[in-house]
Amino acid sequence: MKHVKGVARRANKFRQDVQKQMNLTVANLHPDVAIGATDGSGDYIEIQLNFRSLRIRITKEIVDRRHDKVWVEVGATCDPAAFFRMDLVFDALRRLDKASEIPTSSSFPSTLSELDSIIWSTHGKLDDHLSPTNYVRTRTVVGQVMCEYFTWAHREPATIAVKVGYRPSFCHFTVTGTDGAVTQIQGGWIVVGKASGALTAEGDNQFAAVGKPLPKPLTVTLDPGDSGAVAEGAEILFSGRPARSPPARPAGARSLPLSTPSVLPL
């Protein structure tokens, strides 16, 4: 409980700092200043400033007791899931509105007061270009800026192993990715068209006296189907009433005079 209260105190303190040091923006434009996501340790705290068409997300990373980092992202209220680095958005605005003077800005302002000055001087342009009418065009140009800014390197394609059932199915999956600082969870749906292998058993539900073989041999056949499994080396579990029976090592389909629970490799 103390830990939870400590995280809440950090978040409220950061919110108060934003309101105080960004007083020009907050007092005149009246955005909703809300606490966003925080991690369990309170080392990452988000504050969101929500305007009419514009959203500003300020994230504070507490490195240690004396050092912290702040970075800023910009989004549109009509697209709640998307945020973009502030410097890339400003680069896109300069391409879209060459007649206006859009300042060069960093996504890592040195102080909240510096950020306050930037938002106050550009909020009109930001609000216009991120409005529902202009957002699609602005987002497209931001995407072009991102492709030019970042260097994409192909490494290895990722793979996801799915444990399937006995019939084809429609499966949902989630993947957690991290760059060491930020963690994201993505998910999706896939069609599993190849069912798992099947076992065909004959001779079960039989009874025999102690030391006597069953009336009919137990036969188990493994059909891998399209699963990719291999019959050779697989293990089959036989169950029955307690008795002793010497182990056997069948290969493929095999008849076994068995009356004891055993796991036998095919």
Protein backbone atom coordinates (compact mmCIF):
# COMPACT_ATOMS: atom_id res chain seq x y z
CA MET A 1 0.00 0.00 0.00
CA LYS A 2 2.86 2.41 0.82
CA HIS A 3 4.39 1.75 -2.59
CA VAL A 4 1.10 2.53 -4.38
CA LYS A 5 0.71 5.75 -2.41
CA GLY A 6 4.29 6.71 -3.28
CA VAL A 7 3.63 6.29 -7.00
CA ALA A 8 0.44 8.34 -6.70
CA ARG A 9 2.34 11.12 -4.89
CA ARG A 10 4.96 11.22 -7.64
CA ALA A 11 2.28 11.43 -10.31
CA ASN A 12 0.40 14.22 -8.51
CA LYS A 13 3.65 16.12 -7.91
CA PHE A 14 4.53 15.93 -11.62
CA ARG A 15 1.02 17.11 -12.55
CA GLN A 16 1.40 20.10 -10.23
CA ASP A 17 4.81 20.91 -11.76
CA VAL A 18 3.27 20.88 -15.24
CA GLN A 19 0.43 23.18 -14.20
CA LYS A 20 2.82 25.59 -12.49
CA GLN A 21 5.68 25.70 -15.00
CA MET A 22 3.38 25.68 -18.04
CA ASN A 23 1.16 28.37 -16.60
CA LEU A 24 0.96 30.38 -19.86
CA THR A 25 -0.57 27.44 -21.72
CA VAL A 26 -2.68 26.11 -18.86
CA ALA A 27 -4.10 29.45 -17.68
CA ASN A 28 -4.99 30.76 -21.15
CA LEU A 29 -5.90 27.67 -23.18
CA HIS A 30 -7.51 25.72 -20.31
CA PRO A 31 -6.56 22.18 -21.33
CA ASP A 32 -7.61 19.22 -19.25
CA VAL A 33 -4.44 18.26 -17.35
CA ALA A 34 -4.70 14.57 -16.51
CA ILE A 35 -2.41 11.90 -15.14
CA GLY A 36 -1.83 9.22 -17.75
CA ALA A 37 -0.08 5.88 -17.45
CA THR A 38 2.49 5.11 -14.77
CA ASP A 39 4.59 2.00 -14.35
CA GLY A 40 4.51 -0.03 -11.16
CA SER A 41 7.64 1.57 -9.74
CA GLY A 42 6.68 5.16 -10.56
CA ASP A 43 9.82 5.63 -12.65
CA TYR A 44 7.70 6.53 -15.69
CA ILE A 45 4.88 9.04 -15.32
CA GLU A 46 2.69 10.51 -18.06
CA ILE A 47 0.78 13.78 -17.96
CA GLN A 48 -1.63 14.56 -20.77
CA LEU A 49 -2.82 18.01 -21.82
CA ASN A 50 -6.06 17.58 -23.77
CA PHE A 51 -7.17 20.50 -25.96
CA ARG A 52 -10.01 20.73 -28.47
CA SER A 53 -8.22 18.95 -31.33
CA LEU A 54 -4.78 18.57 -29.84
CA ARG A 55 -3.24 16.31 -27.21
CA ILE A 56 0.18 16.72 -25.62
CA ARG A 57 1.70 13.78 -23.74
CA ILE A 58 4.59 14.59 -21.41
CA THR A 59 6.50 11.58 -20.08
CA LYS A 60 8.94 11.82 -17.21
CA GLU A 61 11.52 9.12 -16.60
CA ILE A 62 13.14 9.16 -13.17
CA VAL A 63 16.68 7.90 -13.74
CA ASP A 64 17.80 8.33 -10.13
CA ARG A 65 17.15 10.70 -7.24
CA ARG A 66 19.01 13.55 -8.93
CA HIS A 67 18.31 12.99 -12.59
CA ASP A 68 15.23 12.60 -14.73
CA LYS A 69 14.37 12.91 -18.41
CA VAL A 70 11.28 14.39 -20.01
CA TRP A 71 10.07 13.85 -23.55
CA VAL A 72 7.01 15.13 -25.39
CA GLU A 73 4.66 13.60 -27.93
CA VAL A 74 1.80 15.12 -29.87
CA GLY A 75 -1.49 13.53 -30.90
CA ALA A 76 -4.97 14.35 -32.14
CA THR A 77 -8.18 13.90 -30.16
CA CYS A 78 -9.76 12.23 -33.22
CA ASP A 79 -7.14 9.44 -33.07
CA PRO A 80 -6.78 8.46 -29.40
CA ALA A 81 -4.33 5.61 -30.05
CA ALA A 82 -1.63 7.61 -31.86
CA PHE A 83 1.10 9.88 -30.52
CA PHE A 84 4.11 11.19 -32.47
CA ARG A 85 7.36 12.74 -31.35
CA MET A 86 6.98 16.50 -31.15
CA ASP A 87 10.02 17.33 -33.30
CA LEU A 88 8.75 15.07 -36.11
CA VAL A 89 5.31 16.70 -35.98
CA PHE A 90 6.89 20.15 -36.20
CA ASP A 91 8.97 19.01 -39.18
CA ALA A 92 5.77 17.83 -40.88
CA LEU A 93 4.03 21.16 -40.15
CA ARG A 94 6.89 23.07 -41.81
CA ARG A 95 6.33 21.01 -44.95
CA LEU A 96 2.58 21.48 -44.86
CA ASP A 97 2.63 25.21 -44.08
CA LYS A 98 5.74 26.73 -45.65
CA ALA A 99 4.39 30.26 -45.27
CA SER A 100 4.38 30.07 -41.48
CA GLU A 101 7.34 30.10 -39.15
CA ILE A 102 7.25 26.82 -37.27
CA PRO A 103 10.10 26.66 -34.76
CA THR A 104 12.60 23.84 -34.67
CA SER A 105 11.77 21.85 -31.58
CA SER A 106 13.22 18.94 -29.69
CA SER A 107 11.15 16.14 -28.22
CA PHE A 108 13.32 16.49 -25.12
CA PRO A 109 12.88 20.07 -23.82
CA SER A 110 15.31 21.07 -21.11
CA THR A 111 12.53 22.53 -18.93
CA LEU A 112 8.75 22.56 -18.77
CA SER A 113 8.91 26.34 -19.09
CA GLU A 114 10.62 25.94 -22.45
CA LEU A 115 7.86 23.55 -23.52
CA ASP A 116 5.25 26.05 -22.32
CA SER A 117 6.68 28.73 -24.62
CA ILE A 118 6.74 26.36 -27.60
CA ILE A 119 3.16 25.15 -27.15
CA TRP A 120 1.85 28.66 -26.56
CA SER A 121 3.42 29.97 -29.77
CA THR A 122 2.35 27.04 -31.96
CA HIS A 123 -0.94 25.81 -30.49
CA GLY A 124 -2.99 27.47 -33.23
CA LYS A 125 -1.14 25.64 -36.02
CA LEU A 126 -1.11 22.38 -34.10
CA ASP A 127 -4.82 22.60 -33.40
CA ASP A 128 -5.59 23.34 -37.06
CA HIS A 129 -3.43 20.62 -38.61
CA LEU A 130 -4.55 17.99 -36.09
CA SER A 131 -8.24 18.77 -36.46
CA PRO A 132 -10.48 16.02 -37.89
CA THR A 133 -10.58 17.88 -41.23
CA ASN A 134 -6.79 17.96 -41.71
CA TYR A 135 -5.59 15.06 -39.59
CA VAL A 136 -5.27 12.38 -42.28
CA ARG A 137 -3.06 14.60 -44.43
CA THR A 138 -0.95 15.63 -41.43
CA ARG A 139 -0.53 12.04 -40.27
CA THR A 140 0.61 11.02 -43.77
CA VAL A 141 3.33 13.67 -43.82
CA VAL A 142 4.41 12.76 -40.27
CA GLY A 143 4.79 9.18 -41.48
CA GLN A 144 6.99 10.34 -44.35
CA VAL A 145 9.16 12.31 -41.93
CA MET A 146 9.51 9.26 -39.70
CA CYS A 147 10.63 7.07 -42.61
CA GLU A 148 13.29 9.63 -43.51
CA TYR A 149 14.42 10.17 -39.94
CA PHE A 150 14.78 6.60 -38.74
CA THR A 151 17.15 3.99 -40.13
CA TRP A 152 15.39 0.67 -40.58
CA ALA A 153 17.54 -2.45 -40.42
CA HIS A 154 16.23 -5.91 -41.23
CA ARG A 155 17.44 -8.57 -38.83
CA GLU A 156 15.50 -11.80 -38.51
CA PRO A 157 11.77 -12.41 -38.87
CA ALA A 158 10.11 -13.26 -35.60
CA THR A 159 8.17 -16.49 -35.17
CA ILE A 160 5.27 -17.41 -32.92
CA ALA A 161 4.71 -21.03 -31.89
CA VAL A 162 1.05 -21.97 -31.50
CA LYS A 163 -0.11 -25.05 -29.62
CA VAL A 164 -3.12 -26.13 -31.65
CA GLY A 165 -6.04 -28.39 -30.89
CA TYR A 166 -7.48 -31.31 -32.79
CA ARG A 167 -9.12 -29.18 -35.44
CA PRO A 168 -8.32 -25.96 -37.35
CA SER A 169 -9.17 -22.84 -35.37
CA PHE A 170 -9.14 -19.02 -35.25
CA CYS A 171 -6.57 -18.05 -32.58
CA HIS A 172 -5.73 -14.77 -30.84
CA PHE A 173 -2.14 -13.99 -29.81
CA THR A 174 -0.30 -11.22 -27.96
CA VAL A 175 3.35 -10.22 -28.22
CA THR A 176 5.25 -8.09 -25.72
CA GLY A 177 8.12 -6.00 -27.08
CA THR A 178 10.56 -3.67 -25.38
CA ASP A 179 13.52 -1.51 -26.32
CA GLY A 180 14.83 -1.51 -22.76
CA ALA A 181 12.89 1.61 -21.80
CA VAL A 182 9.37 1.35 -23.19
CA THR A 183 7.29 -1.83 -23.29
CA GLN A 184 4.41 -2.35 -25.69
CA ILE A 185 1.94 -5.19 -26.15
CA GLN A 186 0.54 -5.95 -29.59
CA GLY A 187 -1.92 -8.64 -30.56
CA GLY A 188 -3.72 -10.13 -33.50
CA TRP A 189 -5.64 -13.07 -34.90
CA ILE A 190 -4.37 -15.95 -37.01
CA VAL A 191 -6.03 -18.93 -38.67
CA VAL A 192 -4.45 -22.24 -37.66
CA GLY A 193 -5.20 -24.49 -40.60
CA LYS A 194 -3.10 -27.50 -39.61
CA ALA A 195 -4.59 -29.55 -36.79
CA SER A 196 -2.53 -31.52 -34.30
CA GLY A 197 -1.80 -35.23 -34.72
CA ALA A 198 -4.27 -37.91 -33.65
CA LEU A 199 -4.03 -41.18 -31.70
CA THR A 200 -6.13 -44.21 -32.57
CA ALA A 201 -6.41 -46.79 -29.76
CA GLU A 202 -7.80 -50.33 -29.92
CA GLY A 203 -8.27 -52.83 -27.13
CA ASP A 204 -8.93 -50.46 -24.24
CA ASN A 205 -11.38 -51.10 -21.35
CA GLN A 206 -10.29 -54.74 -20.92
CA PHE A 207 -9.73 -56.82 -17.78
CA ALA A 208 -7.39 -59.72 -17.02
CA ALA A 209 -6.16 -61.62 -13.96
CA VAL A 210 -2.86 -60.70 -12.38
CA GLY A 211 -0.02 -62.01 -14.52
CA LYS A 212 -2.31 -62.85 -17.41
CA PRO A 213 -2.30 -61.04 -20.77
CA LEU A 214 -5.33 -59.09 -21.91
CA PRO A 215 -7.77 -60.92 -24.19
CA LYS A 216 -6.88 -58.55 -27.02
CA PRO A 217 -3.63 -56.67 -27.45
CA LEU A 218 -3.54 -52.92 -26.92
CA THR A 219 -2.76 -51.10 -30.15
CA VAL A 220 -2.10 -47.37 -30.47
CA THR A 221 -1.36 -45.70 -33.77
CA LEU A 222 -0.06 -42.15 -34.00
CA ASP A 223 -1.11 -40.22 -37.11
CA PRO A 224 0.95 -36.99 -37.28
CA GLY A 225 -1.33 -35.54 -39.97
CA ASP A 226 -0.19 -32.04 -40.95
CA SER A 227 1.13 -31.22 -37.49
CA GLY A 228 4.78 -31.81 -38.34
CA ALA A 229 5.14 -34.42 -35.57
CA VAL A 230 7.07 -37.67 -36.13
CA ALA A 231 5.71 -41.02 -34.95
CA GLU A 232 9.16 -42.45 -34.24
CA GLY A 233 10.23 -41.48 -30.69
CA ALA A 234 6.79 -40.33 -29.51
CA GLU A 235 5.53 -41.47 -26.11
CA ILE A 236 2.17 -43.11 -25.39
CA LEU A 237 0.59 -43.36 -21.92
CA PHE A 238 -1.18 -46.66 -21.12
CA SER A 239 -3.23 -46.82 -17.94
CA GLY A 240 -4.76 -49.74 -16.07
CA ARG A 241 -5.14 -51.31 -12.65
CA PRO A 242 -1.86 -51.73 -10.70
CA ALA A 243 0.17 -54.75 -11.82
CA ARG A 244 3.66 -55.45 -12.93
CA SER A 245 4.67 -55.80 -16.54
CA PRO A 246 8.08 -55.68 -18.18
CA PRO A 247 8.73 -52.49 -20.20
CA ALA A 248 8.62 -52.66 -23.96
CA ARG A 249 9.89 -50.31 -26.67
CA PRO A 250 7.46 -50.38 -29.56
CA ALA A 251 8.17 -48.68 -32.89
CA GLY A 252 5.22 -47.29 -34.80
CA ALA A 253 1.94 -49.16 -34.12
CA ARG A 254 2.62 -52.05 -31.71
CA SER A 255 0.52 -54.63 -29.86
CA LEU A 256 1.32 -54.64 -26.13
CA PRO A 257 0.20 -57.24 -23.52
CA LEU A 258 -0.07 -54.61 -20.77
CA SER A 259 -2.02 -54.23 -17.53
CA THR A 260 -0.10 -51.45 -15.72
CA PRO A 261 0.13 -47.69 -16.17
CA SER A 262 3.16 -47.06 -18.35
CA VAL A 263 4.64 -44.44 -20.62
CA LEU A 264 6.25 -46.13 -23.56
CA PRO A 265 8.12 -44.53 -26.46
CA LEU A 266 6.98 -45.44 -29.92
